[in-house]
Amino acid sequence: ASLAVLTAAVTGMAAAQTKGLKVEVVSSRPELVT
């Protein structure tokens, strides 16, 4: 399972914002959540 996730594509961005609404992961990078 570890190797399966490791080989997955690393994508994403630190935060997403549309108009006035902003979403961000505070505890880690969004592409490196554990």
PDB file of all heavy atoms in Angstrom:
ATOM      1  N   ALA A   1       0.834  -1.208   0.000  1.00  0.00           N
ATOM      2  CA  ALA A   1       0.000   0.000   0.000  1.00  0.00           C
ATOM      3  C   ALA A   1       0.859   1.245   0.000  1.00  0.00           C
ATOM      4  O   ALA A   1       0.561   2.244  -0.653  1.00  0.00           O
ATOM      5  CB  ALA A   1      -0.923  -0.008   1.205  1.00  0.00           C
ATOM      6  N   SER A   2       1.960   1.195   0.759  1.00  0.00           N
ATOM      7  CA  SER A   2       2.863   2.342   0.834  1.00  0.00           C
ATOM      8  C   SER A   2       3.421   2.674  -0.537  1.00  0.00           C
ATOM      9  O   SER A   2       3.446   3.823  -0.965  1.00  0.00           O
ATOM     10  CB  SER A   2       3.995   2.039   1.819  1.00  0.00           C
ATOM     11  OG  SER A   2       4.934   3.069   1.814  1.00  0.00           O
ATOM     12  N   LEU A   3       3.885   1.644  -1.266  1.00  0.00           N
ATOM     13  CA  LEU A   3       4.471   1.878  -2.577  1.00  0.00           C
ATOM     14  C   LEU A   3       3.424   2.341  -3.578  1.00  0.00           C
ATOM     15  O   LEU A   3       3.701   3.151  -4.453  1.00  0.00           O
ATOM     16  CB  LEU A   3       5.152   0.603  -3.074  1.00  0.00           C
ATOM     17  CG  LEU A   3       6.413   0.190  -2.316  1.00  0.00           C
ATOM     18  CD1 LEU A   3       6.936  -1.135  -2.857  1.00  0.00           C
ATOM     19  CD2 LEU A   3       7.476   1.266  -2.415  1.00  0.00           C
ATOM     20  N   ALA A   4       2.190   1.862  -3.421  1.00  0.00           N
ATOM     21  CA  ALA A   4       1.128   2.271  -4.340  1.00  0.00           C
ATOM     22  C   ALA A   4       0.865   3.758  -4.251  1.00  0.00           C
ATOM     23  O   ALA A   4       0.698   4.445  -5.263  1.00  0.00           O
ATOM     24  CB  ALA A   4      -0.149   1.484  -4.030  1.00  0.00           C
ATOM     25  N   VAL A   5       0.834   4.278  -3.013  1.00  0.00           N
ATOM     26  CA  VAL A   5       0.599   5.711  -2.851  1.00  0.00           C
ATOM     27  C   VAL A   5       1.825   6.499  -3.279  1.00  0.00           C
ATOM     28  O   VAL A   5       1.730   7.566  -3.882  1.00  0.00           O
ATOM     29  CB  VAL A   5       0.226   6.027  -1.387  1.00  0.00           C
ATOM     30  CG1 VAL A   5       0.026   7.520  -1.216  1.00  0.00           C
ATOM     31  CG2 VAL A   5      -1.044   5.287  -0.993  1.00  0.00           C
ATOM     32  N   LEU A   6       3.029   5.944  -2.986  1.00  0.00           N
ATOM     33  CA  LEU A   6       4.257   6.653  -3.308  1.00  0.00           C
ATOM     34  C   LEU A   6       4.383   6.906  -4.799  1.00  0.00           C
ATOM     35  O   LEU A   6       4.873   7.945  -5.231  1.00  0.00           O
ATOM     36  CB  LEU A   6       5.457   5.840  -2.806  1.00  0.00           C
ATOM     37  CG  LEU A   6       6.844   6.432  -3.035  1.00  0.00           C
ATOM     38  CD1 LEU A   6       6.990   7.728  -2.243  1.00  0.00           C
ATOM     39  CD2 LEU A   6       7.922   5.450  -2.631  1.00  0.00           C
ATOM     40  N   THR A   7       3.917   5.949  -5.602  1.00  0.00           N
ATOM     41  CA  THR A   7       4.069   6.103  -7.041  1.00  0.00           C
ATOM     42  C   THR A   7       2.947   6.903  -7.681  1.00  0.00           C
ATOM     43  O   THR A   7       2.961   7.158  -8.878  1.00  0.00           O
ATOM     44  CB  THR A   7       4.130   4.720  -7.706  1.00  0.00           C
ATOM     45  OG1 THR A   7       2.972   3.967  -7.327  1.00  0.00           O
ATOM     46  CG2 THR A   7       5.368   3.963  -7.266  1.00  0.00           C
ATOM     47  N   ALA A   8       1.966   7.317  -6.872  1.00  0.00           N
ATOM     48  CA  ALA A   8       0.877   8.144  -7.404  1.00  0.00           C
ATOM     49  C   ALA A   8       1.408   9.507  -7.816  1.00  0.00           C
ATOM     50  O   ALA A   8       2.405   9.987  -7.310  1.00  0.00           O
ATOM     51  CB  ALA A   8      -0.212   8.306  -6.347  1.00  0.00           C
ATOM     52  N   ALA A   9       0.721  10.155  -8.720  1.00  0.00           N
ATOM     53  CA  ALA A   9       1.156  11.483  -9.172  1.00  0.00           C
ATOM     54  C   ALA A   9       1.031  12.485  -8.043  1.00  0.00           C
ATOM     55  O   ALA A   9       0.067  12.474  -7.286  1.00  0.00           O
ATOM     56  CB  ALA A   9       0.293  11.926 -10.353  1.00  0.00           C
ATOM     57  N   VAL A  10       2.039  13.330  -7.913  1.00  0.00           N
ATOM     58  CA  VAL A  10       2.011  14.383  -6.908  1.00  0.00           C
ATOM     59  C   VAL A  10       1.513  15.646  -7.576  1.00  0.00           C
ATOM     60  O   VAL A  10       2.196  16.254  -8.399  1.00  0.00           O
ATOM     61  CB  VAL A  10       3.416  14.621  -6.319  1.00  0.00           C
ATOM     62  CG1 VAL A  10       3.371  15.754  -5.327  1.00  0.00           C
ATOM     63  CG2 VAL A  10       3.930  13.365  -5.663  1.00  0.00           C
ATOM     64  N   THR A  11       0.280  16.005  -7.250  1.00  0.00           N
ATOM     65  CA  THR A  11      -0.311  17.196  -7.854  1.00  0.00           C
ATOM     66  C   THR A  11      -0.953  18.027  -6.768  1.00  0.00           C
ATOM     67  O   THR A  11      -0.945  17.673  -5.606  1.00  0.00           O
ATOM     68  CB  THR A  11      -1.375  16.806  -8.888  1.00  0.00           C
ATOM     69  OG1 THR A  11      -2.382  16.030  -8.225  1.00  0.00           O
ATOM     70  CG2 THR A  11      -0.782  15.991 -10.021  1.00  0.00           C
ATOM     71  N   GLY A  12      -1.512  19.122  -7.144  1.00  0.00           N
ATOM     72  CA  GLY A  12      -2.219  19.953  -6.168  1.00  0.00           C
ATOM     73  C   GLY A  12      -1.533  21.286  -6.000  1.00  0.00           C
ATOM     74  O   GLY A  12      -0.482  21.562  -6.552  1.00  0.00           O
ATOM     75  N   MET A  13      -2.144  22.127  -5.196  1.00  0.00           N
ATOM     76  CA  MET A  13      -1.584  23.434  -4.912  1.00  0.00           C
ATOM     77  C   MET A  13      -1.814  23.744  -3.450  1.00  0.00           C
ATOM     78  O   MET A  13      -2.578  23.064  -2.768  1.00  0.00           O
ATOM     79  CB  MET A  13      -2.223  24.495  -5.800  1.00  0.00           C
ATOM     80  CG  MET A  13      -3.748  24.432  -5.844  1.00  0.00           C
ATOM     81  SD  MET A  13      -4.425  25.538  -7.090  1.00  0.00           S
ATOM     82  CE  MET A  13      -6.135  25.032  -7.089  1.00  0.00           C
ATOM     83  N   ALA A  14      -1.099  24.729  -2.947  1.00  0.00           N
ATOM     84  CA  ALA A  14      -1.145  25.023  -1.520  1.00  0.00           C
ATOM     85  C   ALA A  14      -2.524  25.481  -1.084  1.00  0.00           C
ATOM     86  O   ALA A  14      -2.950  25.230   0.035  1.00  0.00           O
ATOM     87  CB  ALA A  14      -0.097  26.079  -1.176  1.00  0.00           C
ATOM     88  N   ALA A  15      -3.238  26.181  -1.941  1.00  0.00           N
ATOM     89  CA  ALA A  15      -4.571  26.683  -1.588  1.00  0.00           C
ATOM     90  C   ALA A  15      -5.384  26.851  -2.857  1.00  0.00           C
ATOM     91  O   ALA A  15      -4.846  26.977  -3.957  1.00  0.00           O
ATOM     92  CB  ALA A  15      -4.460  28.016  -0.850  1.00  0.00           C
ATOM     93  N   ALA A  16      -6.707  26.807  -2.691  1.00  0.00           N
ATOM     94  CA  ALA A  16      -7.608  27.052  -3.816  1.00  0.00           C
ATOM     95  C   ALA A  16      -8.486  28.246  -3.486  1.00  0.00           C
ATOM     96  O   ALA A  16      -8.950  28.398  -2.354  1.00  0.00           O
ATOM     97  CB  ALA A  16      -8.474  25.823  -4.076  1.00  0.00           C
ATOM     98  N   GLN A  17      -8.703  29.127  -4.465  1.00  0.00           N
ATOM     99  CA  GLN A  17      -9.518  30.312  -4.217  1.00  0.00           C
ATOM    100  C   GLN A  17     -10.379  30.606  -5.435  1.00  0.00           C
ATOM    101  O   GLN A  17      -9.899  30.630  -6.561  1.00  0.00           O
ATOM    102  CB  GLN A  17      -8.632  31.523  -3.897  1.00  0.00           C
ATOM    103  CG  GLN A  17      -9.435  32.751  -3.480  1.00  0.00           C
ATOM    104  CD  GLN A  17      -8.561  33.805  -2.809  1.00  0.00           C
ATOM    105  OE1 GLN A  17      -7.363  33.617  -2.674  1.00  0.00           O
ATOM    106  NE2 GLN A  17      -9.156  34.889  -2.386  1.00  0.00           N
ATOM    107  N   THR A  18     -11.676  30.740  -5.196  1.00  0.00           N
ATOM    108  CA  THR A  18     -12.614  31.135  -6.238  1.00  0.00           C
ATOM    109  C   THR A  18     -13.415  32.320  -5.731  1.00  0.00           C
ATOM    110  O   THR A  18     -14.047  32.237  -4.684  1.00  0.00           O
ATOM    111  CB  THR A  18     -13.567  29.979  -6.578  1.00  0.00           C
ATOM    112  OG1 THR A  18     -12.798  28.845  -6.967  1.00  0.00           O
ATOM    113  CG2 THR A  18     -14.490  30.361  -7.727  1.00  0.00           C
ATOM    114  N   LYS A  19     -13.363  33.428  -6.464  1.00  0.00           N
ATOM    115  CA  LYS A  19     -13.998  34.667  -6.023  1.00  0.00           C
ATOM    116  C   LYS A  19     -13.475  35.006  -4.625  1.00  0.00           C
ATOM    117  O   LYS A  19     -12.307  35.195  -4.428  1.00  0.00           O
ATOM    118  CB  LYS A  19     -15.515  34.539  -6.061  1.00  0.00           C
ATOM    119  CG  LYS A  19     -16.093  34.323  -7.466  1.00  0.00           C
ATOM    120  CD  LYS A  19     -17.613  34.252  -7.433  1.00  0.00           C
ATOM    121  CE  LYS A  19     -18.172  34.046  -8.826  1.00  0.00           C
ATOM    122  NZ  LYS A  19     -19.647  33.937  -8.825  1.00  0.00           N
ATOM    123  N   GLY A  20     -14.351  35.053  -3.620  1.00  0.00           N
ATOM    124  CA  GLY A  20     -13.906  35.444  -2.292  1.00  0.00           C
ATOM    125  C   GLY A  20     -13.598  34.294  -1.371  1.00  0.00           C
ATOM    126  O   GLY A  20     -13.135  34.490  -0.258  1.00  0.00           O
ATOM    127  N   LEU A  21     -13.846  33.039  -1.786  1.00  0.00           N
ATOM    128  CA  LEU A  21     -13.679  31.890  -0.899  1.00  0.00           C
ATOM    129  C   LEU A  21     -12.308  31.245  -1.107  1.00  0.00           C
ATOM    130  O   LEU A  21     -11.902  30.979  -2.243  1.00  0.00           O
ATOM    131  CB  LEU A  21     -14.784  30.865  -1.156  1.00  0.00           C
ATOM    132  CG  LEU A  21     -15.079  29.881  -0.024  1.00  0.00           C
ATOM    133  CD1 LEU A  21     -15.570  30.615   1.226  1.00  0.00           C
ATOM    134  CD2 LEU A  21     -16.123  28.862  -0.479  1.00  0.00           C
ATOM    135  N   LYS A  22     -11.614  30.989  -0.005  1.00  0.00           N
ATOM    136  CA  LYS A  22     -10.280  30.403  -0.074  1.00  0.00           C
ATOM    137  C   LYS A  22     -10.215  29.159   0.806  1.00  0.00           C
ATOM    138  O   LYS A  22     -10.674  29.165   1.940  1.00  0.00           O
ATOM    139  CB  LYS A  22      -9.227  31.415   0.381  1.00  0.00           C
ATOM    140  CG  LYS A  22      -7.795  30.902   0.334  1.00  0.00           C
ATOM    141  CD  LYS A  22      -6.810  31.979   0.791  1.00  0.00           C
ATOM    142  CE  LYS A  22      -5.380  31.476   0.731  1.00  0.00           C
ATOM    143  NZ  LYS A  22      -4.416  32.508   1.208  1.00  0.00           N
ATOM    144  N   VAL A  23      -9.641  28.088   0.272  1.00  0.00           N
ATOM    145  CA  VAL A  23      -9.465  26.833   0.998  1.00  0.00           C
ATOM    146  C   VAL A  23      -7.978  26.513   1.033  1.00  0.00           C
ATOM    147  O   VAL A  23      -7.299  26.542  -0.003  1.00  0.00           O
ATOM    148  CB  VAL A  23     -10.224  25.674   0.322  1.00  0.00           C
ATOM    149  CG1 VAL A  23      -9.972  24.373   1.074  1.00  0.00           C
ATOM    150  CG2 VAL A  23     -11.701  25.971   0.256  1.00  0.00           C
ATOM    151  N   GLU A  24      -7.455  26.221   2.224  1.00  0.00           N
ATOM    152  CA  GLU A  24      -6.041  25.867   2.341  1.00  0.00           C
ATOM    153  C   GLU A  24      -5.851  24.803   3.415  1.00  0.00           C
ATOM    154  O   GLU A  24      -6.568  24.768   4.414  1.00  0.00           O
ATOM    155  CB  GLU A  24      -5.198  27.095   2.680  1.00  0.00           C
ATOM    156  CG  GLU A  24      -5.597  27.803   3.948  1.00  0.00           C
ATOM    157  CD  GLU A  24      -4.809  29.084   4.179  1.00  0.00           C
ATOM    158  OE1 GLU A  24      -3.615  29.100   3.851  1.00  0.00           O
ATOM    159  OE2 GLU A  24      -5.403  30.053   4.683  1.00  0.00           O
ATOM    160  N   VAL A  25      -4.876  23.919   3.186  1.00  0.00           N
ATOM    161  CA  VAL A  25      -4.479  22.937   4.190  1.00  0.00           C
ATOM    162  C   VAL A  25      -3.434  23.595   5.078  1.00  0.00           C
ATOM    163  O   VAL A  25      -2.430  24.119   4.592  1.00  0.00           O
ATOM    164  CB  VAL A  25      -3.916  21.662   3.544  1.00  0.00           C
ATOM    165  CG1 VAL A  25      -3.459  20.681   4.618  1.00  0.00           C
ATOM    166  CG2 VAL A  25      -4.968  21.014   2.662  1.00  0.00           C
ATOM    167  N   VAL A  26      -3.677  23.584   6.382  1.00  0.00           N
ATOM    168  CA  VAL A  26      -2.807  24.261   7.341  1.00  0.00           C
ATOM    169  C   VAL A  26      -1.766  23.311   7.920  1.00  0.00           C
ATOM    170  O   VAL A  26      -0.656  23.723   8.258  1.00  0.00           O
ATOM    171  CB  VAL A  26      -3.652  24.872   8.485  1.00  0.00           C
ATOM    172  CG1 VAL A  26      -2.776  25.564   9.513  1.00  0.00           C
ATOM    173  CG2 VAL A  26      -4.677  25.842   7.922  1.00  0.00           C
ATOM    174  N   SER A  27      -2.093  22.038   8.027  1.00  0.00           N
ATOM    175  CA  SER A  27      -1.224  21.089   8.734  1.00  0.00           C
ATOM    176  C   SER A  27      -0.089  20.550   7.888  1.00  0.00           C
ATOM    177  O   SER A  27       0.893  20.012   8.435  1.00  0.00           O
ATOM    178  CB  SER A  27      -2.061  19.923   9.269  1.00  0.00           C
ATOM    179  OG  SER A  27      -2.899  19.388   8.256  1.00  0.00           O
ATOM    180  N   SER A  28      -0.189  20.655   6.575  1.00  0.00           N
ATOM    181  CA  SER A  28       0.851  20.137   5.686  1.00  0.00           C
ATOM    182  C   SER A  28       0.630  20.725   4.305  1.00  0.00           C
ATOM    183  O   SER A  28      -0.294  21.511   4.086  1.00  0.00           O
ATOM    184  CB  SER A  28       0.788  18.607   5.609  1.00  0.00           C
ATOM    185  OG  SER A  28      -0.380  18.194   4.908  1.00  0.00           O
ATOM    186  N   ARG A  29       1.445  20.344   3.361  1.00  0.00           N
ATOM    187  CA  ARG A  29       1.145  20.633   1.965  1.00  0.00           C
ATOM    188  C   ARG A  29      -0.046  19.766   1.551  1.00  0.00           C
ATOM    189  O   ARG A  29      -0.169  18.615   1.999  1.00  0.00           O
ATOM    190  CB  ARG A  29       2.361  20.323   1.083  1.00  0.00           C
ATOM    191  CG  ARG A  29       3.600  21.136   1.391  1.00  0.00           C
ATOM    192  CD  ARG A  29       4.769  20.658   0.534  1.00  0.00           C
ATOM    193  NE  ARG A  29       4.514  20.893  -0.873  1.00  0.00           N
ATOM    194  CZ  ARG A  29       5.064  21.869  -1.609  1.00  0.00           C
ATOM    195  NH1 ARG A  29       5.903  22.718  -1.041  1.00  0.00           N
ATOM    196  NH2 ARG A  29       4.785  22.007  -2.881  1.00  0.00           N
ATOM    197  N   PRO A  30      -0.933  20.252   0.689  1.00  0.00           N
ATOM    198  CA  PRO A  30      -2.106  19.444   0.319  1.00  0.00           C
ATOM    199  C   PRO A  30      -1.741  18.155  -0.397  1.00  0.00           C
ATOM    200  O   PRO A  30      -2.470  17.169  -0.314  1.00  0.00           O
ATOM    201  CB  PRO A  30      -2.915  20.381  -0.574  1.00  0.00           C
ATOM    202  CG  PRO A  30      -1.952  21.414  -1.048  1.00  0.00           C
ATOM    203  CD  PRO A  30      -0.953  21.577   0.049  1.00  0.00           C
ATOM    204  N   GLU A  31      -0.606  18.150  -1.094  1.00  0.00           N
ATOM    205  CA  GLU A  31      -0.200  16.945  -1.813  1.00  0.00           C
ATOM    206  C   GLU A  31       0.601  15.983  -0.936  1.00  0.00           C
ATOM    207  O   GLU A  31       1.007  14.915  -1.392  1.00  0.00           O
ATOM    208  CB  GLU A  31       0.608  17.310  -3.067  1.00  0.00           C
ATOM    209  CG  GLU A  31       1.956  17.958  -2.805  1.00  0.00           C
ATOM    210  CD  GLU A  31       1.903  19.474  -2.756  1.00  0.00           C
ATOM    211  OE1 GLU A  31       1.120  20.003  -1.941  1.00  0.00           O
ATOM    212  OE2 GLU A  31       2.640  20.125  -3.518  1.00  0.00           O
ATOM    213  N   LEU A  32       0.804  16.349   0.339  1.00  0.00           N
ATOM    214  CA  LEU A  32       1.596  15.510   1.249  1.00  0.00           C
ATOM    215  C   LEU A  32       0.889  15.338   2.587  1.00  0.00           C
ATOM    216  O   LEU A  32       1.478  15.479   3.656  1.00  0.00           O
ATOM    217  CB  LEU A  32       2.983  16.126   1.463  1.00  0.00           C
ATOM    218  CG  LEU A  32       3.883  16.249   0.231  1.00  0.00           C
ATOM    219  CD1 LEU A  32       5.193  16.958   0.600  1.00  0.00           C
ATOM    220  CD2 LEU A  32       4.181  14.884  -0.386  1.00  0.00           C
ATOM    221  N   VAL A  33      -0.383  15.028   2.537  1.00  0.00           N
ATOM    222  CA  VAL A  33      -1.161  14.769   3.749  1.00  0.00           C
ATOM    223  C   VAL A  33      -0.889  13.342   4.207  1.00  0.00           C
ATOM    224  O   VAL A  33      -0.728  12.435   3.386  1.00  0.00           O
ATOM    225  CB  VAL A  33      -2.669  14.956   3.472  1.00  0.00           C
ATOM    226  CG1 VAL A  33      -3.509  14.536   4.668  1.00  0.00           C
ATOM    227  CG2 VAL A  33      -2.958  16.394   3.078  1.00  0.00           C
ATOM    228  N   THR A  34      -0.800  13.109   5.519  1.00  0.00           N
ATOM    229  CA  THR A  34      -0.593  11.748   6.021  1.00  0.00           C
ATOM    230  C   THR A  34      -1.574  11.432   7.143  1.00  0.00           C
ATOM    231  O   THR A  34      -2.125  12.325   7.790  1.00  0.00           O
ATOM    232  CB  THR A  34       0.840  11.543   6.544  1.00  0.00           C
ATOM    233  OG1 THR A  34       1.038  12.294   7.743  1.00  0.00           O
ATOM    234  CG2 THR A  34       1.869  11.941   5.510  1.00  0.00           C
TER     235      THR A  34
END
